[in-house]
Protein backbone atom coordinates (compact mmCIF):
# COMPACT_ATOMS: atom_id res chain seq x y z
CA MET A 1 -31.91 46.55 133.07
CA SER A 2 -30.50 49.99 134.38
CA ASN A 3 -28.54 52.60 133.32
CA VAL A 4 -26.35 54.55 135.04
CA ILE A 5 -26.06 58.42 133.99
CA LEU A 6 -23.15 61.03 135.39
CA ALA A 7 -24.78 64.18 136.84
CA ALA A 8 -22.52 66.36 135.27
CA PRO A 9 -21.20 66.61 131.63
CA PRO A 10 -17.90 64.17 131.67
CA GLN A 11 -14.60 65.93 130.37
CA THR A 12 -13.40 65.08 127.10
CA ALA A 13 -10.91 63.02 126.41
CA ALA A 14 -8.34 63.90 123.32
CA LEU A 15 -9.02 61.21 120.48
CA ASP A 16 -7.10 59.29 118.57
CA HIS A 17 -8.00 58.94 114.55
CA GLY A 18 -9.71 55.08 115.76
CA ASP A 19 -12.02 57.14 117.89
CA LEU A 20 -13.32 59.81 115.91
CA LEU A 21 -13.99 56.89 113.44
CA ALA A 22 -16.19 55.04 115.94
CA HIS A 23 -17.36 58.06 117.69
CA ASP A 24 -18.62 59.63 113.86
CA ALA A 25 -20.03 56.12 112.81
CA VAL A 26 -23.81 56.14 112.06
CA PRO A 27 -25.91 53.94 114.82
CA ALA A 28 -27.73 50.31 113.31
CA SER A 29 -30.76 51.38 115.57
CA LEU A 30 -34.26 53.58 114.63
CA ILE A 31 -33.19 55.96 117.05
CA SER A 32 -29.63 56.96 119.09
CA MET A 33 -29.55 59.13 121.55
CA ARG A 34 -25.92 60.22 122.71
CA ASP A 35 -25.30 62.56 125.43
CA ILE A 36 -27.99 64.02 125.20
CA TRP A 37 -28.44 67.60 127.26
CA LYS A 38 -31.27 70.22 127.42
CA THR A 39 -30.35 72.85 128.88
CA TYR A 40 -32.27 76.25 129.40
CA GLN A 41 -31.48 79.69 130.27
CA MET A 42 -33.77 81.19 133.19
CA GLY A 43 -32.40 84.83 134.23
CA ALA A 44 -28.94 83.96 135.99
CA GLU A 45 -29.72 80.39 136.52
CA GLU A 46 -29.32 77.68 133.98
CA VAL A 47 -32.15 74.81 134.31
CA HIS A 48 -30.82 71.49 132.57
CA ALA A 49 -33.84 69.56 131.72
CA LEU A 50 -32.10 66.84 130.80
CA ARG A 51 -28.71 65.27 131.54
CA GLY A 52 -27.02 63.32 129.60
CA VAL A 53 -29.42 61.07 128.15
CA GLU A 54 -28.18 57.70 126.00
CA PHE A 55 -30.13 55.06 124.79
CA ASP A 56 -31.01 53.17 121.30
CA VAL A 57 -34.54 52.18 119.96
CA HIS A 58 -34.76 49.92 117.18
CA LYS A 59 -37.50 49.27 114.69
CA GLY A 60 -40.78 47.54 115.63
CA GLU A 61 -39.72 48.19 119.72
CA TYR A 62 -42.81 49.19 121.79
CA LEU A 63 -41.26 51.48 124.60
CA ALA A 64 -42.83 53.66 127.11
CA ILE A 65 -41.13 56.86 128.66
CA ILE A 66 -42.86 57.70 132.27
CA GLY A 67 -41.98 60.25 134.65
CA PRO A 68 -43.43 62.66 137.07
CA SER A 69 -44.00 66.84 136.07
CA GLY A 70 -41.06 68.41 135.37
CA SER A 71 -38.85 64.81 134.98
CA GLY A 72 -37.65 65.72 131.77
CA LYS A 73 -40.40 63.44 129.79
CA SER A 74 -41.87 66.56 127.72
CA THR A 75 -38.18 67.85 126.77
CA LEU A 76 -37.42 64.58 125.81
CA MET A 77 -40.64 63.39 123.41
CA ASN A 78 -39.55 67.58 121.62
CA LEU A 79 -36.53 66.08 120.95
CA ILE A 80 -37.59 62.65 119.69
CA GLY A 81 -40.37 64.22 117.66
CA CYS A 82 -37.36 66.59 116.41
CA LEU A 83 -40.03 69.69 118.30
CA ASP A 84 -36.62 70.99 119.44
CA THR A 85 -32.94 69.92 119.35
CA PRO A 86 -30.31 69.10 122.36
CA THR A 87 -28.11 71.62 123.92
CA ARG A 88 -25.23 69.02 123.62
CA GLY A 89 -25.15 65.18 122.18
CA ARG A 90 -25.91 63.83 118.93
CA TYR A 91 -29.54 62.35 117.80
CA TRP A 92 -29.88 60.19 114.86
CA ILE A 93 -33.22 59.14 113.66
CA ASN A 94 -33.36 56.21 110.43
CA GLY A 95 -29.57 56.80 110.10
CA LYS A 96 -29.98 60.85 110.07
CA LEU A 97 -27.74 63.02 112.28
CA VAL A 98 -30.89 65.01 113.31
CA SER A 99 -29.32 67.22 116.29
CA GLU A 100 -27.52 68.87 113.54
CA MET A 101 -30.53 69.83 111.31
CA ASN A 102 -31.47 73.09 110.56
CA ASP A 103 -35.38 74.30 111.06
CA ASP A 104 -36.17 73.54 107.67
CA GLU A 105 -34.33 70.26 107.72
CA LEU A 106 -36.03 69.28 110.73
CA ALA A 107 -39.55 69.73 109.47
CA ARG A 108 -38.73 67.73 106.47
CA ILE A 109 -37.56 64.53 109.19
CA ARG A 110 -40.92 65.47 110.97
CA ASN A 111 -43.14 64.81 107.81
CA GLN A 112 -41.40 61.68 107.07
CA GLU A 113 -40.10 60.21 109.82
CA VAL A 114 -42.25 60.61 113.36
CA GLY A 115 -46.23 60.60 113.44
CA PHE A 116 -47.49 62.67 116.25
CA VAL A 117 -50.69 61.91 118.44
CA PHE A 118 -51.17 64.62 120.48
CA GLN A 119 -53.70 64.17 123.88
CA THR A 120 -56.07 67.05 122.70
CA PHE A 121 -56.52 65.07 119.31
CA ASN A 122 -55.29 69.03 117.15
CA LEU A 123 -57.62 67.66 114.84
CA LEU A 124 -59.49 70.39 112.04
CA ALA A 125 -63.22 71.59 113.59
CA ARG A 126 -63.98 71.75 110.25
CA ALA A 127 -63.09 69.44 108.20
CA SER A 128 -64.19 65.75 107.86
CA ALA A 129 -61.62 62.83 109.29
CA LEU A 130 -61.11 61.93 105.68
CA HIS A 131 -59.34 65.50 105.27
CA ASN A 132 -58.05 65.90 108.43
CA VAL A 133 -55.82 62.52 107.78
CA GLU A 134 -55.05 63.71 104.36
CA LEU A 135 -53.28 66.87 105.76
CA PRO A 136 -50.04 65.08 106.34
CA LEU A 137 -49.80 64.01 102.52
CA ILE A 138 -50.36 67.64 101.68
CA TYR A 139 -47.31 68.75 103.35
CA ALA A 140 -45.65 66.29 101.24
CA GLY A 141 -47.10 67.43 98.13
CA VAL A 142 -48.90 64.38 97.13
CA GLY A 143 -51.44 64.19 94.16
CA SER A 144 -55.61 64.13 95.39
CA ALA A 145 -56.13 60.50 93.79
CA GLU A 146 -53.36 59.11 95.98
CA ARG A 147 -54.00 61.41 98.69
CA HIS A 148 -57.79 60.61 99.19
CA GLU A 149 -56.83 57.04 98.83
CA LYS A 150 -54.15 57.00 101.81
CA ALA A 151 -56.27 58.36 103.84
CA ARG A 152 -58.91 55.96 103.32
CA GLN A 153 -56.49 53.12 104.05
CA SER A 154 -55.27 54.49 106.98
CA LEU A 155 -58.95 55.45 108.94
CA THR A 156 -59.82 51.62 107.42
CA ALA A 157 -57.04 50.77 109.58
CA VAL A 158 -58.18 52.19 112.77
CA ASP A 159 -61.50 50.88 112.34
CA LEU A 160 -63.11 54.15 110.81
CA ALA A 161 -64.09 53.14 107.42
CA ASP A 162 -67.66 54.21 108.04
CA ARG A 163 -66.79 57.36 109.99
CA MET A 164 -64.54 59.34 106.77
CA MET A 165 -67.14 62.16 106.19
CA HIS A 166 -67.58 62.81 110.09
CA ARG A 167 -66.62 66.28 111.45
CA PRO A 168 -64.98 65.87 114.74
CA ASN A 169 -67.69 67.21 116.81
CA GLU A 170 -69.55 63.89 115.10
CA LEU A 171 -67.15 61.63 116.77
CA SER A 172 -66.58 60.60 120.19
CA GLY A 173 -63.53 61.04 122.12
CA GLY A 174 -62.31 57.68 121.55
CA GLN A 175 -63.06 58.05 117.26
CA ARG A 176 -61.33 61.62 117.29
CA GLN A 177 -58.38 60.03 118.64
CA ARG A 178 -58.41 57.50 116.35
CA VAL A 179 -58.78 59.71 113.44
CA ALA A 180 -55.47 60.94 115.14
CA ILE A 181 -53.59 58.11 114.96
CA ALA A 182 -54.85 57.50 111.55
CA ARG A 183 -53.32 61.05 110.59
CA ALA A 184 -50.31 59.82 112.23
CA LEU A 185 -50.00 56.90 110.63
CA VAL A 186 -50.74 57.94 107.17
CA ASN A 187 -47.27 58.68 105.75
CA HIS A 188 -45.95 55.37 107.18
CA PRO A 189 -43.08 56.86 109.67
CA SER A 190 -41.19 55.15 111.16
CA ILE A 191 -41.72 56.27 114.65
CA LEU A 192 -45.24 56.60 115.89
CA LEU A 193 -44.53 59.05 119.00
CA ALA A 194 -47.83 59.27 121.39
CA ASP A 195 -48.35 62.25 124.01
CA GLU A 196 -50.19 61.20 126.87
CA PRO A 197 -52.38 59.47 124.50
CA THR A 198 -55.07 58.66 126.50
CA GLY A 199 -55.62 62.11 128.70
CA ALA A 200 -58.55 62.98 127.36
CA LEU A 201 -60.37 59.71 127.32
CA ASP A 202 -62.28 57.64 130.30
CA SER A 203 -60.54 54.66 131.51
CA ALA A 204 -63.13 52.56 128.96
CA THR A 205 -61.82 54.47 125.65
CA SER A 206 -58.47 54.63 126.80
CA HIS A 207 -58.17 50.53 127.21
CA GLU A 208 -59.78 50.27 123.34
CA ILE A 209 -56.78 52.95 121.92
CA MET A 210 -54.36 51.20 123.78
CA ASN A 211 -55.67 47.86 122.04
CA LEU A 212 -55.10 49.66 119.27
CA PHE A 213 -51.43 50.83 119.74
CA GLU A 214 -51.04 46.78 120.58
CA ARG A 215 -52.45 45.51 117.22
CA LEU A 216 -50.28 48.39 115.74
CA HIS A 217 -47.15 47.42 116.70
CA ALA A 218 -48.51 43.60 116.22
CA GLU A 219 -48.64 44.96 113.29
CA GLY A 220 -44.67 46.01 113.12
CA ASN A 221 -45.15 50.09 113.55
CA THR A 222 -42.78 51.38 115.76
CA ILE A 223 -44.59 52.95 118.88
CA ILE A 224 -43.11 55.38 121.95
CA VAL A 225 -45.74 56.43 124.12
CA VAL A 226 -45.25 59.12 127.03
CA THR A 227 -47.01 59.42 129.69
CA HIS A 228 -47.12 59.78 133.74
CA GLU A 229 -49.69 56.80 133.92
CA PRO A 230 -48.04 53.51 135.02
CA ASP A 231 -50.87 51.36 134.25
CA ILE A 232 -50.80 52.81 130.56
CA ALA A 233 -46.98 52.66 130.29
CA ALA A 234 -47.58 49.38 131.77
CA ARG A 235 -48.94 47.91 128.23
CA ALA A 236 -45.32 48.95 126.67
CA HIS A 237 -42.83 45.89 126.20
CA ARG A 238 -40.01 48.44 127.24
CA ILE A 239 -40.05 51.37 129.79
CA ILE A 240 -38.13 54.45 130.18
CA SER A 241 -38.26 55.70 134.04
CA ILE A 242 -36.77 59.26 134.01
CA ARG A 243 -36.65 61.87 136.95
CA ASP A 244 -34.55 65.16 137.27
CA GLY A 245 -33.60 64.97 133.60
CA HIS A 246 -32.01 61.83 134.11
CA ILE A 247 -33.02 57.85 133.17
CA GLU A 248 -33.67 56.19 136.47
CA ARG A 249 -34.33 52.72 134.49
CA ASP A 250 -34.80 51.35 131.56
CA GLU A 251 -35.86 47.94 131.45
CA ARG A 252 -38.01 44.89 129.41
CA THR A 253 -41.20 44.07 130.39
CA LYS A 254 -42.39 41.92 127.39
């Protein structure tokens, strides 16, 4: 399946009442992006990092977004994760129009809807694995007893039940990434969003982490992996290839 994306913003035609209702209708998909542009002002020049990107992601999908450096994939990841907002276009997560939210609203959506997994793990060095996993629950105002139990369950789900009280420097790279995945899952988010999740790992450990993603997907999680590595993208069930701010290909692989 291929997407054809316009190189410049299309002209806006006059809309009748029926068109307006259709335009404002809330999409049924988990993620919906419509005519997404992201433009940066670099001195006197405008740089279009994204140019009219459109796609949907349904609950339970396993998607990889792949592209070379400078393609726009990191910008797209930031928009998906509500770390940034588009210059133009509409973006819904779970029926919520996040493209028009303010910073406080976006922070709530990030905590409720998105679980982040980063290449560099982003763990607190002096905290145990258990406390690291509890952090999103602390921000969400969950009480201590419930917080501990949910964090334990999440660490058990990634096979770290025997490492809960270990600090990051007492864990291997793969174990640290499992802690990060447990933290991402602890709030039961709508989307697990992973940015180059194997970038800091050797090939054998990368294989283990990707096997874990497959298992989590089989358990019903919606997973989006952003990567520049074709072998990592190939583990997903759908691949969006992005280049020069456009979707070049959108294809299902499994």
